[in-house]
Each structure stands twice: as C-alpha cells, then as structure tokens.
Amino acid sequence: MKLIPLLLELDYKTFEAMVQIQYGEDGPKGYDDAIRALPGVTTVTLASEDSELKVARYKIKIITQKEAIEAFKAFKLNIKEKYSDIVSVKVGEETIEEK
C-alpha cells in the first residue's frame, strides 16, 4: 500500500484558542518561538503581554487528531513539562474554534 492513500485517510483537525500563560522569574520574553516548537502547534500570535505580572496571552493554533478539549489539555501538559519557568496555563475553552 502506498503512503499517500494512508495519509489521506487520517483525520486531522485544526483548532485555535486564546491561551493565558503565567511565567516565573524570567517573564514572558522570548517564549513565542519556544511555544511554536511544541508538538502540534502551528501558529502562535502574541495578543498581549504584561511584564510586571509576568503574564502573556496568545492566540494558538494546533493541528491534531484529537477533539479540541483533549488536544488543548495535551498542549498544557506538554508546555508545563518542557518549560519549568511556566507557572500556569489557562485555555479559554469558550474561545476554541475549529479552523
């Protein structure tokens, strides 16, 4: 069996949501590319940043075979495991859209 027909059978979905991330001591500077490097993340757009509160809000687009809530839960686990300076991650579940 050829690879192309197999790939066409896979059902990938793209979702976009607003995500708030609170950082530790170093703050949010320079994390845009680090977030983009996570599995499934296709686009990261900085919506707002507060250096005093060490919080940034992003519009994040992911591609996945999972359902939206499950995919963003996996994203939260990945980002917390990968980057120790991240204190909390909140996904605006009401902002999730399938693209």
PDB file of N, CA and C in Angstrom:
ATOM      1  N   MET A   1       0.849  -1.184   0.000  1.00  0.00           N
ATOM      2  CA  MET A   1       0.000   0.000   0.000  1.00  0.00           C
ATOM      3  C   MET A   1       0.893   1.245   0.000  1.00  0.00           C
ATOM      4  N   LYS A   2       0.500   2.232  -0.741  1.00  0.00           N
ATOM      5  CA  LYS A   2       1.306   3.444  -0.844  1.00  0.00           C
ATOM      6  C   LYS A   2       1.014   4.392   0.314  1.00  0.00           C
ATOM      7  N   LEU A   3       1.953   5.260   0.575  1.00  0.00           N
ATOM      8  CA  LEU A   3       1.871   6.176   1.710  1.00  0.00           C
ATOM      9  C   LEU A   3       0.801   7.254   1.527  1.00  0.00           C
ATOM     10  N   ILE A   4       0.657   7.812   0.369  1.00  0.00           N
ATOM     11  CA  ILE A   4      -0.291   8.901   0.125  1.00  0.00           C
ATOM     12  C   ILE A   4      -1.722   8.503   0.477  1.00  0.00           C
ATOM     13  N   PRO A   5      -2.234   7.366   0.022  1.00  0.00           N
ATOM     14  CA  PRO A   5      -3.608   6.989   0.404  1.00  0.00           C
ATOM     15  C   PRO A   5      -3.766   6.823   1.916  1.00  0.00           C
ATOM     16  N   LEU A   6      -2.734   6.323   2.568  1.00  0.00           N
ATOM     17  CA  LEU A   6      -2.792   6.190   4.027  1.00  0.00           C
ATOM     18  C   LEU A   6      -2.886   7.549   4.706  1.00  0.00           C
ATOM     19  N   LEU A   7      -2.099   8.494   4.252  1.00  0.00           N
ATOM     20  CA  LEU A   7      -2.117   9.830   4.840  1.00  0.00           C
ATOM     21  C   LEU A   7      -3.462  10.522   4.612  1.00  0.00           C
ATOM     22  N   LEU A   8      -4.066  10.277   3.470  1.00  0.00           N
ATOM     23  CA  LEU A   8      -5.349  10.905   3.174  1.00  0.00           C
ATOM     24  C   LEU A   8      -6.470  10.354   4.051  1.00  0.00           C
ATOM     25  N   GLU A   9      -6.285   9.149   4.577  1.00  0.00           N
ATOM     26  CA  GLU A   9      -7.291   8.551   5.452  1.00  0.00           C
ATOM     27  C   GLU A   9      -7.258   9.158   6.861  1.00  0.00           C
ATOM     28  N   LEU A  10      -6.144   9.733   7.244  1.00  0.00           N
ATOM     29  CA  LEU A  10      -6.026  10.311   8.580  1.00  0.00           C
ATOM     30  C   LEU A  10      -6.888  11.559   8.682  1.00  0.00           C
ATOM     31  N   ASP A  11      -7.517  11.719   9.810  1.00  0.00           N
ATOM     32  CA  ASP A  11      -8.454  12.825  10.005  1.00  0.00           C
ATOM     33  C   ASP A  11      -7.839  13.862  10.946  1.00  0.00           C
ATOM     34  N   TYR A  12      -7.165  14.845  10.392  1.00  0.00           N
ATOM     35  CA  TYR A  12      -6.576  15.911  11.190  1.00  0.00           C
ATOM     36  C   TYR A  12      -7.531  17.091  11.275  1.00  0.00           C
ATOM     37  N   LYS A  13      -7.546  17.725  12.444  1.00  0.00           N
ATOM     38  CA  LYS A  13      -8.366  18.917  12.646  1.00  0.00           C
ATOM     39  C   LYS A  13      -7.462  20.035  13.139  1.00  0.00           C
ATOM     40  N   THR A  14      -7.851  21.250  12.823  1.00  0.00           N
ATOM     41  CA  THR A  14      -7.108  22.417  13.286  1.00  0.00           C
ATOM     42  C   THR A  14      -8.009  23.225  14.210  1.00  0.00           C
ATOM     43  N   PHE A  15      -7.477  23.571  15.378  1.00  0.00           N
ATOM     44  CA  PHE A  15      -8.214  24.354  16.358  1.00  0.00           C
ATOM     45  C   PHE A  15      -7.400  25.576  16.751  1.00  0.00           C
ATOM     46  N   GLU A  16      -8.105  26.628  17.106  1.00  0.00           N
ATOM     47  CA  GLU A  16      -7.467  27.869  17.544  1.00  0.00           C
ATOM     48  C   GLU A  16      -8.143  28.317  18.837  1.00  0.00           C
ATOM     49  N   ALA A  17      -7.343  28.817  19.785  1.00  0.00           N
ATOM     50  CA  ALA A  17      -7.900  29.280  21.061  1.00  0.00           C
ATOM     51  C   ALA A  17      -6.992  30.349  21.661  1.00  0.00           C
ATOM     52  N   MET A  18      -7.574  31.121  22.560  1.00  0.00           N
ATOM     53  CA  MET A  18      -6.805  32.086  23.338  1.00  0.00           C
ATOM     54  C   MET A  18      -6.269  31.364  24.571  1.00  0.00           C
ATOM     55  N   VAL A  19      -4.984  31.573  24.839  1.00  0.00           N
ATOM     56  CA  VAL A  19      -4.315  30.895  25.945  1.00  0.00           C
ATOM     57  C   VAL A  19      -3.570  31.928  26.771  1.00  0.00           C
ATOM     58  N   GLN A  20      -3.741  31.867  28.082  1.00  0.00           N
ATOM     59  CA  GLN A  20      -3.025  32.756  29.001  1.00  0.00           C
ATOM     60  C   GLN A  20      -1.959  31.937  29.718  1.00  0.00           C
ATOM     61  N   ILE A  21      -0.734  32.437  29.694  1.00  0.00           N
ATOM     62  CA  ILE A  21       0.379  31.740  30.331  1.00  0.00           C
ATOM     63  C   ILE A  21       1.023  32.661  31.350  1.00  0.00           C
ATOM     64  N   GLN A  22       1.193  32.146  32.559  1.00  0.00           N
ATOM     65  CA  GLN A  22       1.881  32.902  33.601  1.00  0.00           C
ATOM     66  C   GLN A  22       3.265  32.300  33.776  1.00  0.00           C
ATOM     67  N   TYR A  23       4.264  33.187  33.795  1.00  0.00           N
ATOM     68  CA  TYR A  23       5.659  32.774  33.853  1.00  0.00           C
ATOM     69  C   TYR A  23       6.245  33.030  35.237  1.00  0.00           C
ATOM     70  N   GLY A  24       7.366  32.386  35.504  1.00  0.00           N
ATOM     71  CA  GLY A  24       8.088  32.574  36.756  1.00  0.00           C
ATOM     72  C   GLY A  24       8.984  33.790  36.685  1.00  0.00           C
ATOM     73  N   GLU A  25      10.164  33.672  37.229  1.00  0.00           N
ATOM     74  CA  GLU A  25      11.107  34.789  37.364  1.00  0.00           C
ATOM     75  C   GLU A  25      11.471  35.472  36.056  1.00  0.00           C
ATOM     76  N   ASP A  26      11.698  34.712  35.008  1.00  0.00           N
ATOM     77  CA  ASP A  26      12.206  35.284  33.755  1.00  0.00           C
ATOM     78  C   ASP A  26      11.167  36.063  32.966  1.00  0.00           C
ATOM     79  N   GLY A  27       9.895  35.839  33.228  1.00  0.00           N
ATOM     80  CA  GLY A  27       8.855  36.543  32.488  1.00  0.00           C
ATOM     81  C   GLY A  27       8.650  35.965  31.106  1.00  0.00           C
ATOM     82  N   PRO A  28       7.758  36.584  30.315  1.00  0.00           N
ATOM     83  CA  PRO A  28       7.340  36.007  29.038  1.00  0.00           C
ATOM     84  C   PRO A  28       8.254  36.267  27.836  1.00  0.00           C
ATOM     85  N   LYS A  29       9.259  37.085  27.977  1.00  0.00           N
ATOM     86  CA  LYS A  29      10.097  37.435  26.823  1.00  0.00           C
ATOM     87  C   LYS A  29      10.770  36.214  26.212  1.00  0.00           C
ATOM     88  N   GLY A  30      10.634  36.082  24.887  1.00  0.00           N
ATOM     89  CA  GLY A  30      11.338  35.046  24.155  1.00  0.00           C
ATOM     90  C   GLY A  30      10.668  33.683  24.104  1.00  0.00           C
ATOM     91  N   TYR A  31       9.492  33.550  24.652  1.00  0.00           N
ATOM     92  CA  TYR A  31       8.834  32.246  24.668  1.00  0.00           C
ATOM     93  C   TYR A  31       8.000  31.961  23.420  1.00  0.00           C
ATOM     94  N   ASP A  32       7.771  32.938  22.567  1.00  0.00           N
ATOM     95  CA  ASP A  32       6.951  32.734  21.368  1.00  0.00           C
ATOM     96  C   ASP A  32       7.465  31.551  20.540  1.00  0.00           C
ATOM     97  N   ASP A  33       8.759  31.567  20.225  1.00  0.00           N
ATOM     98  CA  ASP A  33       9.341  30.504  19.406  1.00  0.00           C
ATOM     99  C   ASP A  33       9.375  29.180  20.155  1.00  0.00           C
ATOM    100  N   ALA A  34       9.573  29.234  21.469  1.00  0.00           N
ATOM    101  CA  ALA A  34       9.590  28.011  22.267  1.00  0.00           C
ATOM    102  C   ALA A  34       8.221  27.336  22.245  1.00  0.00           C
ATOM    103  N   ILE A  35       7.166  28.115  22.305  1.00  0.00           N
ATOM    104  CA  ILE A  35       5.814  27.557  22.254  1.00  0.00           C
ATOM    105  C   ILE A  35       5.545  26.971  20.869  1.00  0.00           C
ATOM    106  N   ARG A  36       6.014  27.665  19.834  1.00  0.00           N
ATOM    107  CA  ARG A  36       5.839  27.203  18.455  1.00  0.00           C
ATOM    108  C   ARG A  36       6.513  25.850  18.228  1.00  0.00           C
ATOM    109  N   ALA A  37       7.542  25.544  19.009  1.00  0.00           N
ATOM    110  CA  ALA A  37       8.294  24.301  18.841  1.00  0.00           C
ATOM    111  C   ALA A  37       7.588  23.092  19.452  1.00  0.00           C
ATOM    112  N   LEU A  38       6.495  23.305  20.179  1.00  0.00           N
ATOM    113  CA  LEU A  38       5.786  22.187  20.803  1.00  0.00           C
ATOM    114  C   LEU A  38       5.048  21.351  19.754  1.00  0.00           C
ATOM    115  N   PRO A  39       4.876  20.055  20.012  1.00  0.00           N
ATOM    116  CA  PRO A  39       4.187  19.187  19.057  1.00  0.00           C
ATOM    117  C   PRO A  39       2.760  19.661  18.776  1.00  0.00           C
ATOM    118  N   GLY A  40       2.420  19.733  17.493  1.00  0.00           N
ATOM    119  CA  GLY A  40       1.065  20.093  17.085  1.00  0.00           C
ATOM    120  C   GLY A  40       0.803  21.577  16.950  1.00  0.00           C
ATOM    121  N   VAL A  41       1.669  22.416  17.492  1.00  0.00           N
ATOM    122  CA  VAL A  41       1.449  23.865  17.429  1.00  0.00           C
ATOM    123  C   VAL A  41       1.882  24.370  16.058  1.00  0.00           C
ATOM    124  N   THR A  42       0.967  25.066  15.369  1.00  0.00           N
ATOM    125  CA  THR A  42       1.288  25.587  14.044  1.00  0.00           C
ATOM    126  C   THR A  42       1.473  27.094  14.034  1.00  0.00           C
ATOM    127  N   THR A  43       0.727  27.817  14.865  1.00  0.00           N
ATOM    128  CA  THR A  43       0.794  29.268  14.882  1.00  0.00           C
ATOM    129  C   THR A  43       0.700  29.780  16.309  1.00  0.00           C
ATOM    130  N   VAL A  44       1.543  30.759  16.632  1.00  0.00           N
ATOM    131  CA  VAL A  44       1.497  31.434  17.935  1.00  0.00           C
ATOM    132  C   VAL A  44       1.517  32.931  17.673  1.00  0.00           C
ATOM    133  N   THR A  45       0.458  33.616  18.100  1.00  0.00           N
ATOM    134  CA  THR A  45       0.365  35.057  17.924  1.00  0.00           C
ATOM    135  C   THR A  45       0.219  35.694  19.298  1.00  0.00           C
ATOM    136  N   LEU A  46       1.122  36.605  19.626  1.00  0.00           N
ATOM    137  CA  LEU A  46       1.055  37.299  20.909  1.00  0.00           C
ATOM    138  C   LEU A  46      -0.092  38.302  20.874  1.00  0.00           C
ATOM    139  N   ALA A  47      -1.054  38.150  21.787  1.00  0.00           N
ATOM    140  CA  ALA A  47      -2.188  39.067  21.857  1.00  0.00           C
ATOM    141  C   ALA A  47      -1.911  40.186  22.845  1.00  0.00           C
ATOM    142  N   SER A  48      -1.339  39.846  24.003  1.00  0.00           N
ATOM    143  CA  SER A  48      -0.965  40.866  24.984  1.00  0.00           C
ATOM    144  C   SER A  48       0.082  40.291  25.927  1.00  0.00           C
ATOM    145  N   GLU A  49       0.793  41.208  26.564  1.00  0.00           N
ATOM    146  CA  GLU A  49       1.875  40.810  27.464  1.00  0.00           C
ATOM    147  C   GLU A  49       1.960  41.815  28.598  1.00  0.00           C
ATOM    148  N   ASP A  50       2.099  41.326  29.822  1.00  0.00           N
ATOM    149  CA  ASP A  50       2.268  42.184  30.985  1.00  0.00           C
ATOM    150  C   ASP A  50       3.516  41.733  31.728  1.00  0.00           C
ATOM    151  N   SER A  51       4.605  42.475  31.541  1.00  0.00           N
ATOM    152  CA  SER A  51       5.886  42.092  32.138  1.00  0.00           C
ATOM    153  C   SER A  51       5.873  42.165  33.656  1.00  0.00           C
ATOM    154  N   GLU A  52       5.104  43.100  34.226  1.00  0.00           N
ATOM    155  CA  GLU A  52       5.037  43.215  35.685  1.00  0.00           C
ATOM    156  C   GLU A  52       4.361  41.996  36.307  1.00  0.00           C
ATOM    157  N   LEU A  53       3.244  41.573  35.716  1.00  0.00           N
ATOM    158  CA  LEU A  53       2.523  40.404  36.228  1.00  0.00           C
ATOM    159  C   LEU A  53       3.097  39.088  35.710  1.00  0.00           C
ATOM    160  N   LYS A  54       4.022  39.181  34.742  1.00  0.00           N
ATOM    161  CA  LYS A  54       4.643  38.017  34.105  1.00  0.00           C
ATOM    162  C   LYS A  54       3.594  37.109  33.471  1.00  0.00           C
ATOM    163  N   VAL A  55       2.682  37.736  32.733  1.00  0.00           N
ATOM    164  CA  VAL A  55       1.597  37.024  32.059  1.00  0.00           C
ATOM    165  C   VAL A  55       1.585  37.431  30.593  1.00  0.00           C
ATOM    166  N   ALA A  56       1.318  36.450  29.725  1.00  0.00           N
ATOM    167  CA  ALA A  56       1.148  36.734  28.302  1.00  0.00           C
ATOM    168  C   ALA A  56      -0.076  35.977  27.807  1.00  0.00           C
ATOM    169  N   ARG A  57      -0.762  36.580  26.840  1.00  0.00           N
ATOM    170  CA  ARG A  57      -1.922  35.944  26.223  1.00  0.00           C
ATOM    171  C   ARG A  57      -1.610  35.742  24.743  1.00  0.00           C
ATOM    172  N   TYR A  58      -1.908  34.549  24.269  1.00  0.00           N
ATOM    173  CA  TYR A  58      -1.591  34.182  22.897  1.00  0.00           C
ATOM    174  C   TYR A  58      -2.826  33.621  22.205  1.00  0.00           C
ATOM    175  N   LYS A  59      -2.848  33.778  20.891  1.00  0.00           N
ATOM    176  CA  LYS A  59      -3.795  33.033  20.067  1.00  0.00           C
ATOM    177  C   LYS A  59      -2.970  31.882  19.493  1.00  0.00           C
ATOM    178  N   ILE A  60      -3.351  30.656  19.850  1.00  0.00           N
ATOM    179  CA  ILE A  60      -2.563  29.485  19.476  1.00  0.00           C
ATOM    180  C   ILE A  60      -3.410  28.569  18.604  1.00  0.00           C
ATOM    181  N   LYS A  61      -2.803  28.145  17.491  1.00  0.00           N
ATOM    182  CA  LYS A  61      -3.464  27.219  16.573  1.00  0.00           C
ATOM    183  C   LYS A  61      -2.714  25.888  16.633  1.00  0.00           C
ATOM    184  N   ILE A  62      -3.485  24.791  16.781  1.00  0.00           N
ATOM    185  CA  ILE A  62      -2.875  23.466  16.823  1.00  0.00           C
ATOM    186  C   ILE A  62      -3.535  22.565  15.786  1.00  0.00           C
ATOM    187  N   ILE A  63      -2.783  21.550  15.354  1.00  0.00           N
ATOM    188  CA  ILE A  63      -3.320  20.544  14.445  1.00  0.00           C
ATOM    189  C   ILE A  63      -3.251  19.209  15.194  1.00  0.00           C
ATOM    190  N   THR A  64      -4.336  18.442  15.108  1.00  0.00           N
ATOM    191  CA  THR A  64      -4.430  17.235  15.920  1.00  0.00           C
ATOM    192  C   THR A  64      -5.443  16.257  15.343  1.00  0.00           C
ATOM    193  N   GLN A  65      -5.378  15.022  15.828  1.00  0.00           N
ATOM    194  CA  GLN A  65      -6.403  14.038  15.506  1.00  0.00           C
ATOM    195  C   GLN A  65      -7.387  13.915  16.665  1.00  0.00           C
ATOM    196  N   LYS A  66      -7.110  14.596  17.764  1.00  0.00           N
ATOM    197  CA  LYS A  66      -7.950  14.537  18.959  1.00  0.00           C
ATOM    198  C   LYS A  66      -9.075  15.573  18.863  1.00  0.00           C
ATOM    199  N   GLU A  67      -9.985  15.496  19.823  1.00  0.00           N
ATOM    200  CA  GLU A  67     -11.010  16.522  19.946  1.00  0.00           C
ATOM    201  C   GLU A  67     -10.380  17.764  20.590  1.00  0.00           C
ATOM    202  N   ALA A  68     -11.031  18.902  20.469  1.00  0.00           N
ATOM    203  CA  ALA A  68     -10.456  20.187  20.866  1.00  0.00           C
ATOM    204  C   ALA A  68     -10.009  20.227  22.328  1.00  0.00           C
ATOM    205  N   ILE A  69     -10.885  19.886  23.251  1.00  0.00           N
ATOM    206  CA  ILE A  69     -10.557  19.980  24.678  1.00  0.00           C
ATOM    207  C   ILE A  69      -9.398  19.067  25.015  1.00  0.00           C
ATOM    208  N   GLU A  70      -9.435  17.848  24.499  1.00  0.00           N
ATOM    209  CA  GLU A  70      -8.370  16.878  24.746  1.00  0.00           C
ATOM    210  C   GLU A  70      -7.034  17.366  24.176  1.00  0.00           C
ATOM    211  N   ALA A  71      -7.081  17.973  22.997  1.00  0.00           N
ATOM    212  CA  ALA A  71      -5.866  18.474  22.352  1.00  0.00           C
ATOM    213  C   ALA A  71      -5.233  19.610  23.161  1.00  0.00           C
ATOM    214  N   PHE A  72      -6.064  20.530  23.661  1.00  0.00           N
ATOM    215  CA  PHE A  72      -5.511  21.628  24.441  1.00  0.00           C
ATOM    216  C   PHE A  72      -5.061  21.171  25.827  1.00  0.00           C
ATOM    217  N   LYS A  73      -5.658  20.113  26.369  1.00  0.00           N
ATOM    218  CA  LYS A  73      -5.152  19.539  27.621  1.00  0.00           C
ATOM    219  C   LYS A  73      -3.761  18.951  27.398  1.00  0.00           C
ATOM    220  N   ALA A  74      -3.578  18.275  26.277  1.00  0.00           N
ATOM    221  CA  ALA A  74      -2.265  17.734  25.927  1.00  0.00           C
ATOM    222  C   ALA A  74      -1.253  18.863  25.745  1.00  0.00           C
ATOM    223  N   PHE A  75      -1.682  19.958  25.111  1.00  0.00           N
ATOM    224  CA  PHE A  75      -0.818  21.132  24.948  1.00  0.00           C
ATOM    225  C   PHE A  75      -0.367  21.652  26.311  1.00  0.00           C
ATOM    226  N   LYS A  76      -1.307  21.767  27.266  1.00  0.00           N
ATOM    227  CA  LYS A  76      -0.979  22.262  28.606  1.00  0.00           C
ATOM    228  C   LYS A  76       0.035  21.350  29.296  1.00  0.00           C
ATOM    229  N   LEU A  77      -0.160  20.056  29.190  1.00  0.00           N
ATOM    230  CA  LEU A  77       0.793  19.113  29.794  1.00  0.00           C
ATOM    231  C   LEU A  77       2.175  19.240  29.157  1.00  0.00           C
ATOM    232  N   ASN A  78       2.219  19.306  27.832  1.00  0.00           N
ATOM    233  CA  ASN A  78       3.492  19.425  27.118  1.00  0.00           C
ATOM    234  C   ASN A  78       4.258  20.676  27.512  1.00  0.00           C
ATOM    235  N   ILE A  79       3.566  21.804  27.566  1.00  0.00           N
ATOM    236  CA  ILE A  79       4.253  23.066  27.838  1.00  0.00           C
ATOM    237  C   ILE A  79       4.774  23.116  29.277  1.00  0.00           C
ATOM    238  N   LYS A  80       4.013  22.557  30.215  1.00  0.00           N
ATOM    239  CA  LYS A  80       4.464  22.551  31.609  1.00  0.00           C
ATOM    240  C   LYS A  80       5.646  21.602  31.819  1.00  0.00           C
ATOM    241  N   GLU A  81       5.628  20.473  31.111  1.00  0.00           N
ATOM    242  CA  GLU A  81       6.734  19.518  31.223  1.00  0.00           C
ATOM    243  C   GLU A  81       8.010  20.057  30.585  1.00  0.00           C
ATOM    244  N   LYS A  82       7.855  20.739  29.481  1.00  0.00           N
ATOM    245  CA  LYS A  82       9.008  21.183  28.702  1.00  0.00           C
ATOM    246  C   LYS A  82       9.689  22.429  29.278  1.00  0.00           C
ATOM    247  N   TYR A  83       8.903  23.367  29.802  1.00  0.00           N
ATOM    248  CA  TYR A  83       9.456  24.649  30.252  1.00  0.00           C
ATOM    249  C   TYR A  83       9.146  24.863  31.727  1.00  0.00           C
ATOM    250  N   SER A  84      10.166  24.766  32.551  1.00  0.00           N
ATOM    251  CA  SER A  84       9.987  24.831  34.010  1.00  0.00           C
ATOM    252  C   SER A  84       9.625  26.229  34.508  1.00  0.00           C
ATOM    253  N   ASP A  85       9.863  27.262  33.725  1.00  0.00           N
ATOM    254  CA  ASP A  85       9.569  28.637  34.152  1.00  0.00           C
ATOM    255  C   ASP A  85       8.075  28.975  34.021  1.00  0.00           C
ATOM    256  N   ILE A  86       7.304  28.104  33.405  1.00  0.00           N
ATOM    257  CA  ILE A  86       5.872  28.358  33.237  1.00  0.00           C
ATOM    258  C   ILE A  86       5.133  27.909  34.486  1.00  0.00           C
ATOM    259  N   VAL A  87       4.416  28.862  35.094  1.00  0.00           N
ATOM    260  CA  VAL A  87       3.710  28.621  36.350  1.00  0.00           C
ATOM    261  C   VAL A  87       2.322  28.043  36.089  1.00  0.00           C
ATOM    262  N   SER A  88       1.568  28.667  35.180  1.00  0.00           N
ATOM    263  CA  SER A  88       0.222  28.167  34.882  1.00  0.00           C
ATOM    264  C   SER A  88      -0.152  28.460  33.434  1.00  0.00           C
ATOM    265  N   VAL A  89      -1.064  27.631  32.933  1.00  0.00           N
ATOM    266  CA  VAL A  89      -1.569  27.762  31.569  1.00  0.00           C
ATOM    267  C   VAL A  89      -3.088  27.659  31.638  1.00  0.00           C
ATOM    268  N   LYS A  90      -3.769  28.662  31.091  1.00  0.00           N
ATOM    269  CA  LYS A  90      -5.232  28.653  31.059  1.00  0.00           C
ATOM    270  C   LYS A  90      -5.696  28.776  29.610  1.00  0.00           C
ATOM    271  N   VAL A  91      -6.502  27.830  29.189  1.00  0.00           N
ATOM    272  CA  VAL A  91      -7.060  27.862  27.839  1.00  0.00           C
ATOM    273  C   VAL A  91      -8.492  28.375  27.936  1.00  0.00           C
ATOM    274  N   GLY A  92      -8.792  29.395  27.184  1.00  0.00           N
ATOM    275  CA  GLY A  92     -10.157  29.919  27.148  1.00  0.00           C
ATOM    276  C   GLY A  92     -11.031  28.968  26.344  1.00  0.00           C
ATOM    277  N   GLU A  93     -11.639  27.999  27.034  1.00  0.00           N
ATOM    278  CA  GLU A  93     -12.405  26.969  26.331  1.00  0.00           C
ATOM    279  C   GLU A  93     -13.521  27.553  25.473  1.00  0.00           C
ATOM    280  N   GLU A  94     -14.073  28.691  25.888  1.00  0.00           N
ATOM    281  CA  GLU A  94     -15.134  29.319  25.098  1.00  0.00           C
ATOM    282  C   GLU A  94     -14.588  29.980  23.831  1.00  0.00           C
ATOM    283  N   THR A  95     -13.246  30.112  23.724  1.00  0.00           N
ATOM    284  CA  THR A  95     -12.649  30.739  22.550  1.00  0.00           C
ATOM    285  C   THR A  95     -12.186  29.710  21.518  1.00  0.00           C
ATOM    286  N   ILE A  96     -12.302  28.426  21.824  1.00  0.00           N
ATOM    287  CA  ILE A  96     -11.831  27.387  20.904  1.00  0.00           C
ATOM    288  C   ILE A  96     -12.716  27.362  19.658  1.00  0.00           C
ATOM    289  N   GLU A  97     -12.054  27.411  18.509  1.00  0.00           N
ATOM    290  CA  GLU A  97     -12.744  27.352  17.214  1.00  0.00           C
ATOM    291  C   GLU A  97     -12.060  26.338  16.323  1.00  0.00           C
ATOM    292  N   GLU A  98     -12.850  25.589  15.580  1.00  0.00           N
ATOM    293  CA  GLU A  98     -12.258  24.702  14.581  1.00  0.00           C
ATOM    294  C   GLU A  98     -12.004  25.519  13.322  1.00  0.00           C
ATOM    295  N   LYS A  99     -10.830  25.391  12.782  1.00  0.00           N
ATOM    296  CA  LYS A  99     -10.451  26.159  11.589  1.00  0.00           C
ATOM    297  C   LYS A  99     -10.381  25.264  10.375  1.00  0.00           C
TER     298      LYS A  99
END
